[in-house]
N, C-alpha and C. Protein backbone atom coordinates (compact mmCIF):
# COMPACT_ATOMS: atom_id res chain seq x y z
N MET A 1 -0.58 3.79 17.90
CA MET A 1 1.12 2.83 18.51
C MET A 1 1.09 3.20 19.84
N ASP A 2 1.35 2.29 20.81
CA ASP A 2 1.81 2.96 22.38
C ASP A 2 2.74 1.79 22.79
N ALA A 3 3.24 1.74 23.72
CA ALA A 3 4.12 1.33 24.30
C ALA A 3 3.93 0.15 24.65
N THR A 4 2.92 0.15 24.12
CA THR A 4 2.36 -2.17 25.04
C THR A 4 1.88 -2.62 23.69
N THR A 5 2.00 -1.24 22.15
CA THR A 5 2.58 -2.96 20.84
C THR A 5 3.29 -3.74 21.30
N PRO A 6 2.84 -4.84 20.95
CA PRO A 6 3.61 -6.54 20.85
C PRO A 6 4.90 -5.85 19.72
N PRO A 7 5.94 -6.78 21.12
CA PRO A 7 7.34 -7.37 19.83
C PRO A 7 6.44 -7.85 19.01
N ALA A 8 7.23 -7.11 18.00
CA ALA A 8 7.20 -8.05 16.33
C ALA A 8 8.12 -8.87 16.11
N ASP A 9 8.64 -9.84 15.04
CA ASP A 9 10.40 -9.99 14.21
C ASP A 9 10.66 -9.10 13.58
N ALA A 10 11.92 -8.72 13.87
CA ALA A 10 12.82 -7.25 13.50
C ALA A 10 13.32 -7.91 12.13
N THR A 11 12.99 -9.14 11.99
CA THR A 11 13.71 -9.62 10.83
C THR A 11 12.83 -9.09 9.90
N THR A 12 11.52 -9.40 9.51
CA THR A 12 11.14 -9.30 8.68
C THR A 12 10.89 -8.14 8.10
N PRO A 13 11.12 -7.80 6.58
CA PRO A 13 11.63 -6.97 5.93
C PRO A 13 10.03 -5.93 5.70
N CYS A 14 10.39 -4.96 5.55
CA CYS A 14 9.14 -4.22 5.22
C CYS A 14 8.82 -3.18 3.95
N LEU A 15 7.70 -3.25 3.22
CA LEU A 15 7.95 -2.30 2.31
C LEU A 15 7.10 -0.93 2.21
N ALA A 16 7.14 -0.77 1.00
CA ALA A 16 6.36 0.58 0.88
C ALA A 16 5.81 0.43 -0.24
N VAL A 17 4.07 0.50 -0.37
CA VAL A 17 4.20 -0.68 -1.97
C VAL A 17 2.56 0.36 -2.18
N LEU A 18 2.81 0.70 -4.09
CA LEU A 18 2.32 2.35 -4.38
C LEU A 18 1.22 1.34 -5.79
N THR A 19 0.69 2.50 -4.97
CA THR A 19 -0.51 2.31 -6.14
C THR A 19 -1.63 3.49 -6.41
N THR A 20 -2.35 3.57 -7.55
CA THR A 20 -3.01 4.84 -7.61
C THR A 20 -4.34 4.05 -8.54
N ALA A 21 -5.36 5.13 -8.01
CA ALA A 21 -6.68 4.77 -8.05
C ALA A 21 -7.07 6.29 -9.37
N PRO A 22 -8.80 5.18 -10.13
CA PRO A 22 -8.76 6.33 -10.89
C PRO A 22 -10.26 7.75 -9.96
N ASP A 23 -9.91 7.17 -9.20
CA ASP A 23 -10.60 8.27 -7.76
C ASP A 23 -11.11 8.31 -6.40
N GLU A 24 -10.88 9.63 -5.66
CA GLU A 24 -10.95 9.48 -4.35
C GLU A 24 -11.84 8.59 -3.53
N GLU A 25 -13.13 7.68 -4.17
CA GLU A 25 -13.61 6.93 -3.36
C GLU A 25 -13.22 5.45 -3.53
N THR A 26 -12.48 5.31 -4.81
CA THR A 26 -11.50 3.93 -5.10
C THR A 26 -10.40 3.64 -4.43
N ALA A 27 -9.37 4.51 -4.16
CA ALA A 27 -8.33 4.86 -3.47
C ALA A 27 -8.88 4.49 -1.28
N ARG A 28 -9.82 5.41 -1.22
CA ARG A 28 -10.11 5.57 0.05
C ARG A 28 -10.82 3.96 0.31
N ARG A 29 -11.71 3.48 -0.72
CA ARG A 29 -11.70 1.55 -0.74
C ARG A 29 -10.98 0.98 -0.21
N LEU A 30 -10.12 0.86 -1.37
CA LEU A 30 -8.56 0.31 -1.59
C LEU A 30 -7.67 0.01 -0.35
N ALA A 31 -7.76 1.35 0.69
CA ALA A 31 -6.75 1.79 1.63
C ALA A 31 -7.39 0.67 2.95
N ALA A 32 -8.66 1.74 3.63
CA ALA A 32 -9.42 1.13 4.53
C ALA A 32 -9.49 -0.69 4.10
N SER A 33 -9.39 -1.27 2.98
CA SER A 33 -9.81 -2.19 3.10
C SER A 33 -8.41 -3.05 3.75
N ALA A 34 -7.49 -2.83 2.82
CA ALA A 34 -6.47 -3.13 2.44
C ALA A 34 -6.02 -3.39 4.80
N VAL A 35 -6.36 -2.31 5.27
CA VAL A 35 -5.72 -1.87 6.39
C VAL A 35 -7.02 -2.74 7.87
N ASP A 36 -7.82 -2.62 7.33
CA ASP A 36 -8.81 -3.42 7.97
C ASP A 36 -8.50 -5.42 7.74
N ARG A 37 -8.34 -5.37 6.74
CA ARG A 37 -7.32 -7.15 7.37
C ARG A 37 -6.20 -7.47 7.33
N ARG A 38 -5.46 -6.95 7.29
CA ARG A 38 -4.23 -6.28 8.14
C ARG A 38 -3.13 -6.59 6.91
N LEU A 39 -3.51 -6.29 5.60
CA LEU A 39 -2.59 -6.20 4.74
C LEU A 39 -1.62 -5.53 4.46
N ALA A 40 -2.07 -4.50 5.42
CA ALA A 40 -0.87 -2.92 5.16
C ALA A 40 -1.34 -2.62 6.90
N ALA A 41 0.02 -1.79 7.38
CA ALA A 41 -0.72 -1.01 8.04
C ALA A 41 -1.07 -0.07 8.32
N CYS A 42 -1.09 0.36 7.32
CA CYS A 42 -1.17 2.15 7.43
C CYS A 42 -1.12 1.85 5.90
N ALA A 43 -2.35 2.76 5.35
CA ALA A 43 -2.01 3.44 4.10
C ALA A 43 -1.93 5.33 3.58
N GLN A 44 -2.14 6.00 2.80
CA GLN A 44 -1.93 7.19 3.11
C GLN A 44 -2.25 7.29 1.55
N ILE A 45 -3.43 8.51 1.63
CA ILE A 45 -3.89 9.65 0.10
C ILE A 45 -3.71 10.04 0.06
N ASP A 46 -3.18 10.48 -1.53
CA ASP A 46 -2.55 11.82 -2.20
C ASP A 46 -3.73 12.35 -2.58
N GLY A 47 -3.45 13.31 -3.27
CA GLY A 47 -4.53 13.85 -4.16
C GLY A 47 -5.10 14.74 -4.38
N PRO A 48 -5.62 15.33 -5.54
CA PRO A 48 -5.77 14.34 -7.28
C PRO A 48 -4.11 14.88 -7.94
N VAL A 49 -3.21 13.49 -8.70
CA VAL A 49 -2.79 14.15 -8.96
C VAL A 49 -2.25 13.78 -10.34
N THR A 50 -1.80 14.07 -11.19
CA THR A 50 -2.17 14.07 -12.91
C THR A 50 -1.10 13.28 -13.20
N SER A 51 -1.46 12.11 -14.26
CA SER A 51 -0.61 10.87 -14.25
C SER A 51 -0.53 11.22 -15.81
N VAL A 52 0.83 10.68 -16.70
CA VAL A 52 0.81 10.77 -17.94
C VAL A 52 1.53 9.85 -18.36
N TYR A 53 1.32 8.50 -19.29
CA TYR A 53 1.78 7.76 -19.81
C TYR A 53 0.98 6.55 -21.30
N ARG A 54 2.08 6.09 -21.80
CA ARG A 54 1.68 5.07 -22.35
C ARG A 54 0.83 3.97 -22.12
N TRP A 55 -0.24 4.27 -23.48
CA TRP A 55 -1.25 3.31 -22.61
C TRP A 55 -2.33 2.85 -24.31
N GLN A 56 -1.80 1.41 -25.02
CA GLN A 56 -2.77 1.40 -26.18
C GLN A 56 -2.40 1.65 -26.93
N GLY A 57 -1.04 2.25 -27.38
CA GLY A 57 -0.33 2.94 -28.45
C GLY A 57 -0.52 4.90 -28.38
N GLY A 58 -1.39 4.98 -27.33
CA GLY A 58 -1.30 6.61 -26.87
C GLY A 58 -0.70 6.79 -25.81
N ILE A 59 -0.59 7.77 -26.29
CA ILE A 59 -0.15 8.82 -24.37
C ILE A 59 -1.49 9.78 -23.49
N GLU A 60 -1.66 9.09 -22.64
CA GLU A 60 -2.70 9.39 -21.71
C GLU A 60 -2.92 10.37 -20.71
N THR A 61 -3.44 11.36 -20.34
CA THR A 61 -3.37 12.10 -19.31
C THR A 61 -4.45 12.25 -18.20
N ASP A 62 -4.52 11.38 -16.77
CA ASP A 62 -5.82 11.59 -16.43
C ASP A 62 -5.24 12.09 -14.86
N THR A 63 -6.00 12.48 -14.16
CA THR A 63 -5.89 12.39 -12.79
C THR A 63 -5.87 11.45 -12.30
N GLU A 64 -5.53 11.12 -11.38
CA GLU A 64 -5.69 10.05 -9.91
C GLU A 64 -5.68 10.66 -8.80
N TRP A 65 -6.05 9.56 -8.19
CA TRP A 65 -5.39 9.29 -6.63
C TRP A 65 -3.95 8.09 -5.66
N ARG A 66 -3.50 8.77 -5.55
CA ARG A 66 -2.46 7.74 -4.73
C ARG A 66 -2.42 7.26 -3.66
N VAL A 67 -2.43 5.74 -3.92
CA VAL A 67 -2.57 5.24 -1.85
C VAL A 67 -1.12 4.08 -2.23
N LEU A 68 -0.56 4.87 -0.49
CA LEU A 68 1.14 4.22 -0.53
C LEU A 68 0.58 3.47 0.63
N TYR A 69 0.86 2.44 0.53
CA TYR A 69 0.50 1.57 1.50
C TYR A 69 1.69 0.98 2.94
N LYS A 70 2.10 0.96 4.14
CA LYS A 70 2.62 0.80 4.53
C LYS A 70 2.85 -1.22 5.30
N THR A 71 3.85 -2.00 4.80
CA THR A 71 3.37 -3.37 4.85
C THR A 71 4.89 -4.33 4.82
N THR A 72 4.78 -5.47 5.04
CA THR A 72 6.05 -6.41 5.12
C THR A 72 5.83 -7.11 3.93
N ALA A 73 7.35 -7.38 3.88
CA ALA A 73 7.33 -8.93 2.80
C ALA A 73 6.29 -9.56 2.48
N ALA A 74 6.16 -10.32 3.88
CA ALA A 74 5.63 -11.47 3.93
C ALA A 74 3.84 -11.16 3.99
N ARG A 75 3.47 -10.19 3.83
CA ARG A 75 2.18 -9.70 3.24
C ARG A 75 1.63 -9.69 1.97
N TYR A 76 3.15 -8.60 1.24
CA TYR A 76 3.50 -8.21 -0.05
C TYR A 76 2.07 -8.30 -1.16
N ALA A 77 2.31 -10.22 -1.29
CA ALA A 77 1.18 -11.21 -2.02
C ALA A 77 0.22 -10.97 -1.86
N GLU A 78 -0.68 -10.69 -1.17
CA GLU A 78 -2.15 -11.07 -0.49
C GLU A 78 -2.15 -9.81 -0.76
N LEU A 79 -1.07 -8.14 0.04
CA LEU A 79 -1.70 -7.25 -0.74
C LEU A 79 -1.48 -7.01 -1.82
N GLU A 80 -0.43 -7.39 -2.88
CA GLU A 80 -0.98 -7.37 -4.21
C GLU A 80 -2.28 -7.91 -5.29
N ALA A 81 -2.59 -8.91 -4.40
CA ALA A 81 -3.98 -9.27 -5.05
C ALA A 81 -4.98 -8.59 -5.16
N HIS A 82 -4.88 -8.30 -2.89
CA HIS A 82 -6.54 -7.60 -3.30
C HIS A 82 -6.58 -6.23 -3.52
N ILE A 83 -5.74 -5.77 -4.23
CA ILE A 83 -5.21 -4.71 -5.08
C ILE A 83 -5.97 -4.81 -6.57
N ARG A 84 -5.42 -6.08 -6.62
CA ARG A 84 -5.67 -5.67 -8.12
C ARG A 84 -7.20 -6.57 -8.34
N ALA A 85 -7.28 -6.88 -7.06
CA ALA A 85 -8.94 -7.65 -7.17
C ALA A 85 -10.27 -6.82 -6.81
N GLY A 86 -8.92 -5.49 -6.05
CA GLY A 86 -10.47 -5.13 -5.86
C GLY A 86 -10.00 -3.08 -6.96
N HIS A 87 -9.38 -3.12 -8.55
CA HIS A 87 -8.81 -2.22 -8.68
C HIS A 87 -9.41 -2.23 -10.11
N PRO A 88 -11.09 -1.24 -10.78
CA PRO A 88 -10.76 -1.47 -11.90
C PRO A 88 -10.30 -0.65 -13.05
N TYR A 89 -8.50 -0.63 -12.60
CA TYR A 89 -7.98 -0.45 -14.15
C TYR A 89 -7.65 -2.08 -14.82
N ASP A 90 -7.10 -2.60 -16.00
CA ASP A 90 -7.05 -3.57 -16.58
C ASP A 90 -5.39 -3.55 -15.82
N VAL A 91 -4.51 -2.93 -15.63
CA VAL A 91 -3.66 -3.07 -15.31
C VAL A 91 -2.83 -2.18 -14.46
N PRO A 92 -3.86 -2.31 -12.61
CA PRO A 92 -3.10 -1.77 -12.15
C PRO A 92 -1.23 -1.28 -11.67
N GLU A 93 -1.57 -0.21 -11.47
CA GLU A 93 -0.26 0.53 -10.77
C GLU A 93 0.29 0.15 -9.41
N VAL A 94 1.49 -1.33 -9.22
CA VAL A 94 1.32 -1.85 -8.11
C VAL A 94 3.25 -2.74 -8.17
N ILE A 95 3.95 -1.37 -7.42
CA ILE A 95 4.74 -0.82 -7.04
C ILE A 95 5.48 -1.14 -5.65
N ALA A 96 6.09 -1.73 -5.03
CA ALA A 96 6.93 -2.17 -4.14
C ALA A 96 8.09 -1.99 -3.68
N THR A 97 8.56 -1.36 -2.39
CA THR A 97 9.70 -0.66 -2.34
C THR A 97 10.22 -1.18 -0.97
N PRO A 98 11.79 -1.38 -1.64
CA PRO A 98 11.99 -2.19 -0.09
C PRO A 98 12.31 -0.69 1.19
N VAL A 99 11.87 -0.68 2.45
CA VAL A 99 12.23 0.24 3.36
C VAL A 99 13.91 -0.04 3.71
N THR A 100 14.56 0.71 3.71
CA THR A 100 16.29 0.20 4.56
C THR A 100 16.94 0.71 5.56
N ALA A 101 15.10 1.96 6.17
CA ALA A 101 15.53 2.81 7.35
C ALA A 101 14.72 2.94 7.90
N GLY A 102 14.33 2.98 8.97
CA GLY A 102 13.42 3.59 10.31
C GLY A 102 13.39 3.54 11.34
N SER A 103 12.61 4.33 11.57
CA SER A 103 12.52 4.21 12.92
C SER A 103 12.39 2.80 13.55
N ASP A 104 12.98 2.05 15.13
CA ASP A 104 12.84 0.92 15.79
C ASP A 104 11.13 0.96 15.85
N ALA A 105 10.35 2.17 16.69
CA ALA A 105 9.47 1.36 17.02
C ALA A 105 8.33 1.34 16.27
N TYR A 106 8.32 2.07 15.06
CA TYR A 106 7.74 2.19 13.88
C TYR A 106 7.27 1.67 13.33
N LEU A 107 8.54 0.62 12.94
CA LEU A 107 8.81 -0.05 12.11
C LEU A 107 8.54 -1.74 12.83
N ALA A 108 7.94 -1.90 14.19
CA ALA A 108 8.03 -3.08 14.61
C ALA A 108 6.42 -2.49 14.98
N TRP A 109 6.12 -1.67 15.30
CA TRP A 109 3.95 -1.47 15.29
C TRP A 109 3.73 -2.22 13.83
N LEU A 110 4.28 -1.67 12.91
CA LEU A 110 4.10 -1.56 11.18
C LEU A 110 3.97 -3.43 11.18
N ARG A 111 5.00 -4.31 11.67
CA ARG A 111 5.08 -5.72 11.52
C ARG A 111 4.34 -6.25 12.62
N SER A 112 4.05 -5.68 13.51
CA SER A 112 2.91 -5.46 14.48
C SER A 112 1.75 -5.78 14.21
N GLU A 113 0.98 -4.81 13.34
CA GLU A 113 -0.66 -4.79 12.62
C GLU A 113 -0.44 -5.35 11.26
N THR A 114 0.47 -5.72 10.50
CA THR A 114 0.57 -6.13 9.74
C THR A 114 0.78 -8.55 10.01
N ALA A 115 0.79 -9.10 11.59
CA ALA A 115 1.26 -9.94 11.30
C ALA A 115 -0.50 -10.94 11.03
N ALA A 116 0.13 -12.11 10.69
CA ALA A 116 -0.95 -12.85 10.09
C ALA A 116 -1.50 -13.61 11.90
N SER A 117 -2.96 -13.27 11.90
CA SER A 117 -4.04 -12.85 12.97
C SER A 117 -4.47 -15.42 13.13
């Protein structure tokens, strides 16, 4: 990101979208393919994390990798479809949180990088 990043519509809402994956390889594949397709400007992977959840009547505990995407509301539906299509889980976690404030330069870059081509 530099001073030559083209201007983007400053009114486009930005989102942080969270998912988890069963292993680092899946997390990297989902992250890289979303950025490659401009569905997200950035994807951060961290892990392993421990998830405890109720599934099919029981309590499960699993090791997962978390992926946090930075995108716009305009790209959300495509990003969600992309995650669901490439995810091995029956019901993958996909949670979007609005970005209510942030660096003007960073948010302009995010919008520019996710603009449909």
